[in-house]
C-alpha atoms as a PDB file:
ATOM      1  CA  MET A   1       0.167   7.715  -0.672  1.00  0.00           C
ATOM      2  CA  ARG A   2       0.357   4.603   1.444  1.00  0.00           C
ATOM      3  CA  TRP A   3      -0.135   1.222  -0.257  1.00  0.00           C
ATOM      4  CA  ASN A   4      -2.617  -0.841   1.745  1.00  0.00           C
ATOM      5  CA  LEU A   5      -2.838  -4.138  -0.178  1.00  0.00           C
ATOM      6  CA  ARG A   6      -2.081  -6.549   2.672  1.00  0.00           C
ATOM      7  CA  LEU A   7      -4.688  -5.156   5.042  1.00  0.00           C
ATOM      8  CA  THR A   8      -7.306  -4.919   2.288  1.00  0.00           C
ATOM      9  CA  ALA A   9      -6.617  -8.525   1.269  1.00  0.00           C
ATOM     10  CA  ALA A  10      -6.721  -9.692   4.905  1.00  0.00           C
ATOM     11  CA  ASN A  11     -10.113  -8.030   5.336  1.00  0.00           C
ATOM     12  CA  LYS A  12     -11.313 -10.182   2.428  1.00  0.00           C
ATOM     13  CA  GLY A  13      -9.840 -13.376   3.922  1.00  0.00           C
ATOM     14  CA  ILE A  14      -6.725 -13.530   1.736  1.00  0.00           C
ATOM     15  CA  TRP A  15      -3.678 -14.046   3.935  1.00  0.00           C
ATOM     16  CA  LYS A  16      -0.979 -15.112   1.472  1.00  0.00           C
ATOM     17  CA  ALA A  17       0.496 -13.358  -1.539  1.00  0.00           C
ATOM     18  CA  SER A  18       0.392 -16.614  -3.497  1.00  0.00           C
ATOM     19  CA  GLU A  19      -3.364 -16.903  -2.951  1.00  0.00           C
ATOM     20  CA  LEU A  20      -3.925 -13.358  -4.251  1.00  0.00           C
ATOM     21  CA  GLN A  21      -1.561 -14.064  -7.155  1.00  0.00           C
ATOM     22  CA  ARG A  22      -3.684 -17.093  -8.168  1.00  0.00           C
ATOM     23  CA  ASN A  23      -6.910 -15.079  -7.898  1.00  0.00           C
ATOM     24  CA  LEU A  24      -5.454 -12.289 -10.029  1.00  0.00           C
ATOM     25  CA  ALA A  25      -4.305 -14.816 -12.667  1.00  0.00           C
ATOM     26  CA  GLU A  26      -7.854 -16.226 -12.810  1.00  0.00           C
ATOM     27  CA  HIS A  27      -8.972 -12.711 -13.768  1.00  0.00           C
ATOM     28  CA  GLY A  28      -6.306 -12.325 -16.460  1.00  0.00           C
ATOM     29  CA  LEU A  29      -3.618 -10.504 -14.486  1.00  0.00           C
ATOM     30  CA  VAL A  30      -0.491 -12.677 -14.410  1.00  0.00           C
ATOM     31  CA  ILE A  31       2.113 -11.262 -12.020  1.00  0.00           C
ATOM     32  CA  SER A  32       5.606 -12.659 -11.511  1.00  0.00           C
ATOM     33  CA  ALA A  33       6.586 -13.867  -8.055  1.00  0.00           C
ATOM     34  CA  GLY A  34       9.032 -10.982  -7.692  1.00  0.00           C
ATOM     35  CA  LYS A  35       6.502  -8.300  -8.592  1.00  0.00           C
ATOM     36  CA  MET A  36       3.874  -9.961  -6.388  1.00  0.00           C
ATOM     37  CA  SER A  37       6.309  -9.904  -3.488  1.00  0.00           C
ATOM     38  CA  GLY A  38       6.856  -6.178  -4.039  1.00  0.00           C
ATOM     39  CA  LEU A  39       3.127  -5.488  -4.207  1.00  0.00           C
ATOM     40  CA  TRP A  40       2.449  -7.571  -1.113  1.00  0.00           C
ATOM     41  CA  SER A  41       5.229  -6.404   1.162  1.00  0.00           C
ATOM     42  CA  GLY A  42       6.203  -2.989  -0.078  1.00  0.00           C
ATOM     43  CA  GLN A  43       5.173   0.174  -1.825  1.00  0.00           C
ATOM     44  CA  PRO A  44       4.950  -0.310  -5.613  1.00  0.00           C
ATOM     45  CA  VAL A  45       7.021   2.102  -7.666  1.00  0.00           C
ATOM     46  CA  SER A  46       4.585   1.894 -10.561  1.00  0.00           C
ATOM     47  CA  LEU A  47       1.350   0.092 -11.257  1.00  0.00           C
ATOM     48  CA  LYS A  48      -0.890   0.180 -14.313  1.00  0.00           C
ATOM     49  CA  LEU A  49      -4.404   1.500 -13.833  1.00  0.00           C
ATOM     50  CA  GLU A  50      -5.739  -1.628 -15.541  1.00  0.00           C
ATOM     51  CA  ASP A  51      -3.918  -3.741 -12.937  1.00  0.00           C
ATOM     52  CA  LEU A  52      -5.497  -1.681 -10.149  1.00  0.00           C
ATOM     53  CA  ASP A  53      -8.906  -2.373 -11.683  1.00  0.00           C
ATOM     54  CA  VAL A  54      -8.280  -6.135 -11.577  1.00  0.00           C
ATOM     55  CA  ILE A  55      -6.976  -5.981  -7.999  1.00  0.00           C
ATOM     56  CA  CYS A  56     -10.098  -4.066  -6.942  1.00  0.00           C
ATOM     57  CA  VAL A  57     -12.380  -6.586  -8.674  1.00  0.00           C
ATOM     58  CA  VAL A  58     -10.604  -9.570  -7.086  1.00  0.00           C
ATOM     59  CA  LEU A  59     -10.653  -8.018  -3.610  1.00  0.00           C
ATOM     60  CA  GLY A  60     -14.112  -6.475  -4.005  1.00  0.00           C
ATOM     61  CA  CYS A  61     -12.771  -3.121  -2.856  1.00  0.00           C
ATOM     62  CA  GLU A  62     -12.523   0.503  -3.911  1.00  0.00           C
ATOM     63  CA  ILE A  63      -9.301   2.251  -4.941  1.00  0.00           C
ATOM     64  CA  GLY A  64      -9.484   4.205  -1.676  1.00  0.00           C
ATOM     65  CA  ASP A  65      -9.034   0.944   0.217  1.00  0.00           C
ATOM     66  CA  LEU A  66      -5.713   0.310  -1.541  1.00  0.00           C
ATOM     67  CA  LEU A  67      -4.313   3.845  -1.660  1.00  0.00           C
ATOM     68  CA  ILE A  68      -4.437   5.894   1.530  1.00  0.00           C
ATOM     69  CA  PRO A  69      -3.607   9.617   1.140  1.00  0.00           C
ATOM     70  CA  GLU A  70      -0.865  10.978   3.396  1.00  0.00           C
ATOM     71  CA  PRO A  71      -0.990  14.760   2.965  1.00  0.00           C
ATOM     72  CA  GLY A  72       1.415  15.250   5.879  1.00  0.00           C
ATOM     73  CA  LYS A  73       4.217  13.825   3.735  1.00  0.00           C
ATOM     74  CA  VAL A  74       3.892  16.536   1.097  1.00  0.00           C
ATOM     75  CA  THR A  75       6.556  19.226   1.367  1.00  0.00           C
ATOM     76  CA  ARG A  76       6.863  22.568  -0.338  1.00  0.00           C
ATOM     77  CA  PRO A  77      10.077  23.542  -2.098  1.00  0.00           C
ATOM     78  CA  GLY A  78      12.557  24.680   0.548  1.00  0.00           C
ATOM     79  CA  GLN A  79      10.628  23.087   3.433  1.00  0.00           C
ATOM     80  CA  LYS A  80      12.723  20.825   5.638  1.00  0.00           C
ATOM     81  CA  GLU A  81      11.595  17.242   5.994  1.00  0.00           C
ATOM     82  CA  THR A  82      11.567  17.642   9.781  1.00  0.00           C
ATOM     83  CA  ASP A  83       8.999  20.456   9.443  1.00  0.00           C
ATOM     84  CA  ARG A  84       6.302  18.068   8.231  1.00  0.00           C
ATOM     85  CA  VAL A  85       3.520  17.287  10.686  1.00  0.00           C
ATOM     86  CA  ALA A  86       0.419  15.161  10.698  1.00  0.00           C
ATOM     87  CA  VAL A  87      -2.818  16.703  11.874  1.00  0.00           C
ATOM     88  CA  GLY A  88      -5.239  14.419  13.654  1.00  0.00           C
ATOM     89  CA  SER A  89      -8.106  15.053  16.042  1.00  0.00           C
ATOM     90  CA  GLY A  90      -7.115  18.658  16.644  1.00  0.00           C
ATOM     91  CA  THR A  91      -3.542  17.985  17.761  1.00  0.00           C
ATOM     92  CA  ILE A  92      -0.307  18.307  15.835  1.00  0.00           C
ATOM     93  CA  THR A  93       2.160  15.439  16.136  1.00  0.00           C
ATOM     94  CA  PRO A  94       5.348  14.648  14.234  1.00  0.00           C
ATOM     95  CA  VAL A  95       5.066  12.044  11.490  1.00  0.00           C
ATOM     96  CA  VAL A  96       6.910   8.870  12.498  1.00  0.00           C
ATOM     97  CA  VAL A  97       7.335   6.030  10.029  1.00  0.00           C
ATOM     98  CA  PRO A  98       8.940   2.920  11.581  1.00  0.00           C
ATOM     99  CA  LYS A  99      11.298   0.908   9.396  1.00  0.00           C
ATOM    100  CA  ARG A 100      12.917  -2.435  10.003  1.00  0.00           C
ATOM    101  CA  ARG A 101      16.668  -2.717   9.594  1.00  0.00           C
ATOM    102  CA  ASP A 102      16.593  -6.133   7.941  1.00  0.00           C
ATOM    103  CA  GLY A 103      14.645  -4.901   4.899  1.00  0.00           C
ATOM    104  CA  ARG A 104      11.467  -6.854   5.629  1.00  0.00           C
ATOM    105  CA  SER A 105       8.158  -5.087   5.615  1.00  0.00           C
ATOM    106  CA  LEU A 106       6.201  -4.333   8.752  1.00  0.00           C
ATOM    107  CA  PRO A 107       2.715  -5.804   9.228  1.00  0.00           C
ATOM    108  CA  PRO A 108      -0.179  -3.605   8.101  1.00  0.00           C
ATOM    109  CA  ALA A 109      -1.231  -0.938  10.598  1.00  0.00           C
END
């Protein structure tokens, strides 16, 4: 799954993590600055379903807007990671996930 919070928030006119953090707090979900930073710029390791409900209410979105399936990343036992492919519009292309070296997150795609 790909976490799509930043793009979903931007589509609703929320451009800063602090603004979303304030909106979430107004709806009863108080998130620390550190956890908010992780939600905003990374892929959360864990997230409560109740928290997802509040995020969806604040952003006026569906869960499918926040979590994008990536079936091409699923491997079978014994399958090499390089054997994974993404299928799109009838062609097969290798899955490429760019990463920055300085640890910062990339902008939403």
